[in-house]
Amino acid sequence: MASENPTATEYIVHHLQNLTYGKLPEGFERYDGSIVTEPTWTIAHGAAEAKAMGFWAIHLDSMFWSILLGAIFVILFRSVAKKATSGVPGGLQNAIETVIEMVDGSVKDTFHGKSGLIAPLALTIFVWVFLMNLMDLVPVDWIPGLSALLGIPYMKVVPSTDPNITLGMSLSVFLLVIFYSIKIKGIGGFVGELTLHPFNSPNKVVQAILVPFNFLLEFVTLVAKPISLGLRLFGNMYAGELLFILIALIGYLQLPLHFGWAVFHILVITLQAYIFMTLTIVYLSMAHEDH
C-alpha cells in the first residue's frame, strides 16, 4: 500500500487497483519520481501508471484467477465424471448432477434450435462465472495481504469485477450469435433482419426509405446485447466487492456485518451467474430462429 497506516481513501483505491502489466512510454515520471528513459514493459504502481500503459496493458491478477478457476472447473467436473456411479451418488457427484440438470432444463425450456454446443456452453458459463463471483466471499485483506508479503503490490481476486473479463466473455457470446445468425439464416437473412424490421411495408419504395431507420434501430439493439450482458455482471459484482471493502474499514464490527452481507451475497453470486447463462441461451436461441 501507499503507507503502513493508509487512509480510508488509500485503502479503497489500493483494493480496487488491478495488478497491471504494460509498457510505459518514454519520458513518463513513475511513482518514485524516476523518469522512464525508454519505453519499458513493467508492472504499474498506481492508477496513473496503469492509464499511461494504454490499451495493450494486461491485468495479471484477473487473468490468473480466471484461468485458475476455469481449470478448477474442468478438473473437478472431469474427475467426478470419471468416477460417476449409477448407484447412490456421493455428495459432490450429487451436487454436480443437480447443477447439470438445472442447466439442461434451462436449455430445453429456452433454446428452440438444435445444437450440441449450447448445453456445454451454458454449463461452462454458469459454473465459471459462479466460481469467479464466489471469490468475492474471501475476506478482502487475506490474499492481497499475502501478495504484499511476496512483493506483489496489488491483487484483485474477483475476476468478474474487472470489465475486461466480463466484456471479454460477453463479446465471445456475441461472436457466436453472429456466427450462428449467418450460418442458420445466411448472409441475406441476417442482413434482412437488420434492415427489414421493425418497420415494414409492401411498397418497395417505402421499404427502401425505411431501411436506414431499421438498420439504425436493429444495429443498436444488436450491439447493446454484449455490452449490457458484460456490464450487468461487472456492475453487480463491483458493487458487492466495494461494500465488502467498506465493511472492512469499520473495525471490530466488521465480522458480523461481513457475515451478514456474505450470506445475502451468496444469492447475488448465484443469480448473476444464472442471468449471464440464461441471456446467453436466449441470444443464441434467437440466432437459430429462421423466419
Protein backbone atom coordinates (compact mmCIF):
# COMPACT_ATOMS: atom_id res chain seq x y z
CA MET A 1 0.00 0.00 0.00
CA ALA A 2 0.93 3.65 -0.12
CA SER A 3 1.81 3.60 3.59
CA GLU A 4 1.81 1.38 6.66
CA ASN A 5 -1.29 3.15 8.00
CA PRO A 6 -3.28 4.09 4.91
CA THR A 7 -6.23 6.45 4.99
CA ALA A 8 -9.68 5.11 4.08
CA THR A 9 -9.31 6.52 0.56
CA GLU A 10 -5.87 4.94 0.07
CA TYR A 11 -7.19 1.62 1.38
CA ILE A 12 -10.14 1.59 -1.03
CA VAL A 13 -8.07 2.70 -4.03
CA HIS A 14 -5.45 0.04 -3.29
CA HIS A 15 -8.01 -2.78 -3.09
CA LEU A 16 -9.69 -1.68 -6.32
CA GLN A 17 -6.42 -1.49 -8.29
CA ASN A 18 -5.55 -4.36 -10.63
CA LEU A 19 -2.06 -5.80 -10.96
CA THR A 20 -1.38 -4.26 -14.38
CA TYR A 21 1.47 -5.15 -16.71
CA GLY A 22 2.18 -2.93 -19.70
CA LYS A 23 4.56 -0.59 -21.47
CA LEU A 24 5.31 2.84 -20.03
CA PRO A 25 6.15 5.49 -22.63
CA GLU A 26 9.47 7.28 -22.77
CA GLY A 27 9.63 10.34 -20.51
CA PHE A 28 6.93 9.15 -18.10
CA GLU A 29 7.52 10.03 -14.43
CA ARG A 30 7.00 6.99 -12.21
CA TYR A 31 5.54 6.78 -8.70
CA ASP A 32 9.02 7.04 -7.11
CA GLY A 33 9.99 10.13 -9.11
CA SER A 34 12.21 8.32 -11.62
CA ILE A 35 11.88 9.09 -15.34
CA VAL A 36 11.45 6.34 -17.92
CA THR A 37 14.33 6.79 -20.38
CA GLU A 38 12.91 4.39 -22.98
CA PRO A 39 9.63 2.51 -23.50
CA THR A 40 9.60 -0.12 -20.74
CA TRP A 41 7.39 -3.11 -20.01
CA THR A 42 6.76 -3.27 -16.28
CA ILE A 43 4.15 -3.59 -13.54
CA ALA A 44 2.16 -0.44 -12.83
CA HIS A 45 2.29 1.18 -9.41
CA GLY A 46 -0.93 3.13 -9.17
CA ALA A 47 -3.75 4.14 -11.49
CA ALA A 48 -1.70 6.83 -13.28
CA GLU A 49 0.89 4.32 -14.49
CA ALA A 50 -1.82 1.83 -15.49
CA LYS A 51 -3.56 4.54 -17.52
CA ALA A 52 -0.31 5.52 -19.24
CA MET A 53 0.21 1.91 -20.37
CA GLY A 54 -2.80 2.20 -22.66
CA PHE A 55 -4.93 -0.41 -24.38
CA TRP A 56 -2.41 -3.25 -24.50
CA ALA A 57 -1.88 -3.43 -20.74
CA ILE A 58 -2.83 -6.74 -19.13
CA HIS A 59 -4.47 -7.27 -15.75
CA LEU A 60 -2.34 -10.14 -14.50
CA ASP A 61 -4.47 -10.85 -11.44
CA SER A 62 -7.73 -11.09 -13.42
CA MET A 63 -6.10 -13.37 -15.98
CA PHE A 64 -4.50 -15.58 -13.33
CA TRP A 65 -7.63 -16.09 -11.23
CA SER A 66 -10.00 -16.54 -14.18
CA ILE A 67 -7.73 -19.17 -15.80
CA LEU A 68 -7.14 -20.90 -12.46
CA LEU A 69 -10.87 -21.06 -11.69
CA GLY A 70 -11.58 -22.30 -15.20
CA ALA A 71 -9.00 -25.06 -14.73
CA ILE A 72 -10.54 -25.99 -11.37
CA PHE A 73 -13.94 -26.29 -13.07
CA VAL A 74 -12.59 -28.56 -15.81
CA ILE A 75 -10.54 -30.76 -13.46
CA LEU A 76 -13.33 -31.07 -10.89
CA PHE A 77 -16.08 -31.97 -13.36
CA ARG A 78 -13.83 -34.35 -15.28
CA SER A 79 -12.83 -36.12 -12.07
CA VAL A 80 -16.44 -36.54 -10.97
CA ALA A 81 -17.48 -37.72 -14.46
CA LYS A 82 -14.77 -40.40 -14.48
CA LYS A 83 -15.78 -41.64 -11.01
CA ALA A 84 -19.54 -41.35 -11.56
CA THR A 85 -21.56 -44.34 -10.46
CA SER A 86 -25.12 -45.44 -11.18
CA GLY A 87 -25.56 -46.33 -7.52
CA VAL A 88 -26.07 -43.93 -4.65
CA PRO A 89 -24.02 -40.84 -5.60
CA GLY A 90 -21.67 -39.10 -3.21
CA GLY A 91 -22.21 -35.55 -2.07
CA LEU A 92 -20.03 -33.94 -4.74
CA GLN A 93 -21.46 -36.06 -7.55
CA ASN A 94 -24.97 -35.28 -6.36
CA ALA A 95 -24.24 -31.53 -6.30
CA ILE A 96 -22.73 -31.56 -9.79
CA GLU A 97 -25.60 -33.63 -11.17
CA THR A 98 -28.03 -31.09 -9.71
CA VAL A 99 -26.20 -28.25 -11.47
CA ILE A 100 -26.13 -30.18 -14.77
CA GLU A 101 -29.87 -30.97 -14.52
CA MET A 102 -30.65 -27.32 -13.80
CA VAL A 103 -28.62 -26.12 -16.80
CA ASP A 104 -30.07 -28.84 -19.04
CA GLY A 105 -33.61 -27.86 -18.01
CA SER A 106 -32.90 -24.19 -18.75
CA VAL A 107 -31.57 -25.06 -22.20
CA LYS A 108 -34.57 -27.26 -23.04
CA ASP A 109 -37.02 -24.57 -21.90
CA THR A 110 -35.29 -21.63 -23.63
CA PHE A 111 -33.35 -22.87 -26.65
CA HIS A 112 -35.55 -23.74 -29.62
CA GLY A 113 -32.94 -24.82 -32.13
CA LYS A 114 -30.74 -27.89 -32.47
CA SER A 115 -27.11 -27.65 -31.40
CA GLY A 116 -24.71 -29.84 -29.47
CA LEU A 117 -22.78 -26.76 -28.30
CA ILE A 118 -25.40 -24.83 -26.33
CA ALA A 119 -25.77 -27.07 -23.27
CA PRO A 120 -21.99 -27.49 -22.64
CA LEU A 121 -21.51 -23.76 -23.27
CA ALA A 122 -24.29 -22.87 -20.82
CA LEU A 123 -22.82 -25.20 -18.18
CA THR A 124 -19.34 -23.73 -18.64
CA ILE A 125 -20.62 -20.17 -18.39
CA PHE A 126 -22.72 -20.81 -15.29
CA VAL A 127 -20.05 -22.67 -13.30
CA TRP A 128 -17.16 -20.45 -14.42
CA VAL A 129 -18.98 -17.21 -13.64
CA PHE A 130 -20.21 -18.66 -10.34
CA LEU A 131 -16.65 -19.59 -9.29
CA MET A 132 -15.33 -16.15 -10.25
CA ASN A 133 -18.15 -14.49 -8.30
CA LEU A 134 -17.57 -16.82 -5.36
CA MET A 135 -14.12 -15.31 -4.81
CA ASP A 136 -15.93 -12.23 -3.52
CA LEU A 137 -16.62 -14.12 -0.27
CA VAL A 138 -12.90 -14.37 0.55
CA PRO A 139 -12.08 -11.68 3.18
CA VAL A 140 -10.75 -8.68 1.29
CA ASP A 141 -7.40 -8.48 3.11
CA TRP A 142 -6.33 -12.13 3.06
CA ILE A 143 -4.97 -12.64 -0.46
CA PRO A 144 -3.85 -9.01 -1.08
CA GLY A 145 -2.06 -9.11 2.29
CA LEU A 146 -0.28 -12.35 1.40
CA SER A 147 0.62 -10.93 -2.02
CA ALA A 148 2.12 -7.83 -0.38
CA LEU A 149 4.37 -10.08 1.72
CA LEU A 150 5.57 -11.70 -1.51
CA GLY A 151 6.34 -8.31 -3.05
CA ILE A 152 3.24 -8.13 -5.29
CA PRO A 153 1.76 -4.63 -4.89
CA TYR A 154 -1.83 -5.35 -5.98
CA MET A 155 -4.02 -8.42 -6.17
CA LYS A 156 -7.73 -8.33 -7.05
CA VAL A 157 -9.13 -11.83 -6.67
CA VAL A 158 -12.61 -11.41 -8.18
CA PRO A 159 -12.25 -11.56 -11.99
CA SER A 160 -15.89 -10.63 -12.56
CA THR A 161 -15.25 -7.19 -11.01
CA ASP A 162 -12.97 -6.47 -13.97
CA PRO A 163 -14.89 -5.18 -17.02
CA ASN A 164 -12.18 -6.63 -19.27
CA ILE A 165 -13.17 -10.12 -18.15
CA THR A 166 -16.95 -9.67 -18.25
CA LEU A 167 -16.91 -7.84 -21.59
CA GLY A 168 -14.47 -10.41 -22.99
CA MET A 169 -16.94 -13.19 -22.13
CA SER A 170 -19.92 -11.25 -23.49
CA LEU A 171 -18.10 -10.43 -26.73
CA SER A 172 -17.32 -14.14 -27.15
CA VAL A 173 -21.04 -14.86 -26.84
CA PHE A 174 -21.74 -12.03 -29.30
CA LEU A 175 -19.40 -13.57 -31.89
CA LEU A 176 -21.24 -16.88 -31.52
CA VAL A 177 -24.54 -15.07 -32.05
CA ILE A 178 -23.22 -13.50 -35.28
CA PHE A 179 -21.77 -16.83 -36.43
CA TYR A 180 -24.99 -18.80 -35.92
CA SER A 181 -27.17 -16.00 -37.31
CA ILE A 182 -25.24 -16.15 -40.58
CA LYS A 183 -24.96 -19.96 -40.54
CA ILE A 184 -28.70 -20.55 -39.99
CA LYS A 185 -30.18 -17.64 -41.96
CA GLY A 186 -27.46 -16.93 -44.48
CA ILE A 187 -25.94 -13.55 -45.24
CA GLY A 188 -29.16 -12.36 -46.87
CA GLY A 189 -31.34 -13.43 -43.96
CA PHE A 190 -29.02 -11.82 -41.42
CA VAL A 191 -28.86 -8.55 -43.36
CA GLY A 192 -32.64 -8.71 -43.82
CA GLU A 193 -33.14 -8.92 -40.06
CA LEU A 194 -31.10 -5.75 -39.64
CA THR A 195 -32.78 -3.77 -42.44
CA LEU A 196 -36.39 -5.00 -42.86
CA HIS A 197 -37.53 -4.83 -39.23
CA PRO A 198 -39.24 -3.46 -37.19
CA PHE A 199 -40.84 -1.21 -39.85
CA ASN A 200 -42.05 -2.96 -42.96
CA SER A 201 -44.11 -2.06 -45.99
CA PRO A 202 -45.32 -3.90 -49.10
CA ASN A 203 -44.35 -0.82 -51.10
CA LYS A 204 -40.77 -1.28 -52.29
CA VAL A 205 -40.01 2.44 -52.41
CA VAL A 206 -41.31 3.00 -48.88
CA GLN A 207 -39.38 -0.05 -47.69
CA ALA A 208 -36.17 1.30 -49.21
CA ILE A 209 -36.72 4.58 -47.36
CA LEU A 210 -37.25 2.68 -44.09
CA VAL A 211 -34.07 0.60 -44.44
CA PRO A 212 -31.69 3.17 -42.83
CA PHE A 213 -34.04 3.65 -39.87
CA ASN A 214 -34.48 -0.09 -39.42
CA PHE A 215 -30.74 -0.67 -39.62
CA LEU A 216 -30.05 2.04 -37.03
CA LEU A 217 -32.56 0.58 -34.56
CA GLU A 218 -31.60 -3.07 -35.10
CA PHE A 219 -27.86 -2.39 -35.09
CA VAL A 220 -28.08 -0.54 -31.77
CA THR A 221 -30.16 -3.40 -30.36
CA LEU A 222 -27.62 -5.95 -31.61
CA VAL A 223 -24.57 -4.10 -30.22
CA ALA A 224 -26.32 -3.42 -26.91
CA LYS A 225 -26.59 -7.15 -26.18
CA PRO A 226 -22.90 -7.88 -25.38
CA ILE A 227 -22.41 -4.50 -23.69
CA SER A 228 -25.39 -4.92 -21.36
CA LEU A 229 -24.52 -8.59 -20.74
CA GLY A 230 -20.97 -7.77 -19.64
CA LEU A 231 -21.69 -4.55 -17.75
CA ARG A 232 -24.59 -6.07 -15.80
CA LEU A 233 -22.33 -8.73 -14.31
CA PHE A 234 -19.48 -6.28 -13.73
CA GLY A 235 -21.70 -3.65 -12.06
CA ASN A 236 -23.35 -6.03 -9.62
CA MET A 237 -20.14 -7.74 -8.60
CA TYR A 238 -18.15 -4.50 -8.37
CA ALA A 239 -20.79 -3.03 -6.05
CA GLY A 240 -20.64 -6.14 -3.88
CA GLU A 241 -16.84 -6.03 -3.66
CA LEU A 242 -16.90 -2.33 -2.80
CA LEU A 243 -19.33 -3.00 0.03
CA PHE A 244 -17.04 -5.69 1.46
CA ILE A 245 -14.15 -3.19 1.35
CA LEU A 246 -16.22 -0.55 3.14
CA ILE A 247 -17.21 -3.11 5.79
CA ALA A 248 -13.52 -3.93 6.33
CA LEU A 249 -12.92 -0.26 7.26
CA ILE A 250 -15.37 -0.37 10.16
CA GLY A 251 -13.06 -2.21 12.55
CA TYR A 252 -14.29 -4.53 15.27
CA LEU A 253 -17.85 -4.54 13.89
CA GLN A 254 -16.75 -5.88 10.51
CA LEU A 255 -17.09 -9.60 11.33
CA PRO A 256 -20.87 -9.69 11.96
CA LEU A 257 -21.50 -7.26 9.11
CA HIS A 258 -19.24 -9.22 6.77
CA PHE A 259 -21.05 -12.45 7.65
CA GLY A 260 -24.48 -10.89 7.17
CA TRP A 261 -23.63 -9.39 3.80
CA ALA A 262 -21.83 -12.58 2.70
CA VAL A 263 -24.95 -14.67 3.39
CA PHE A 264 -27.06 -12.32 1.27
CA HIS A 265 -24.32 -12.02 -1.36
CA ILE A 266 -24.42 -15.77 -1.99
CA LEU A 267 -27.81 -15.16 -3.63
CA VAL A 268 -26.34 -12.34 -5.76
CA ILE A 269 -23.39 -14.52 -6.80
CA THR A 270 -25.64 -17.37 -7.94
CA LEU A 271 -28.25 -15.11 -9.53
CA GLN A 272 -25.69 -13.21 -11.63
CA ALA A 273 -24.20 -16.45 -12.94
CA TYR A 274 -27.68 -17.73 -13.78
CA ILE A 275 -28.68 -14.49 -15.55
CA PHE A 276 -25.50 -14.48 -17.65
CA MET A 277 -26.13 -18.10 -18.64
CA THR A 278 -29.83 -17.57 -19.38
CA LEU A 279 -29.27 -14.50 -21.55
CA THR A 280 -26.60 -16.38 -23.47
CA ILE A 281 -29.09 -19.17 -24.20
CA VAL A 282 -31.77 -16.65 -25.20
CA TYR A 283 -29.45 -14.77 -27.58
CA LEU A 284 -28.26 -17.98 -29.21
CA SER A 285 -31.83 -19.25 -29.48
CA MET A 286 -32.79 -16.04 -31.31
CA ALA A 287 -29.81 -16.53 -33.62
CA HIS A 288 -31.09 -20.03 -34.52
CA GLU A 289 -34.61 -18.86 -35.40
CA ASP A 290 -35.09 -18.81 -39.16
CA HIS A 291 -38.14 -16.78 -40.20
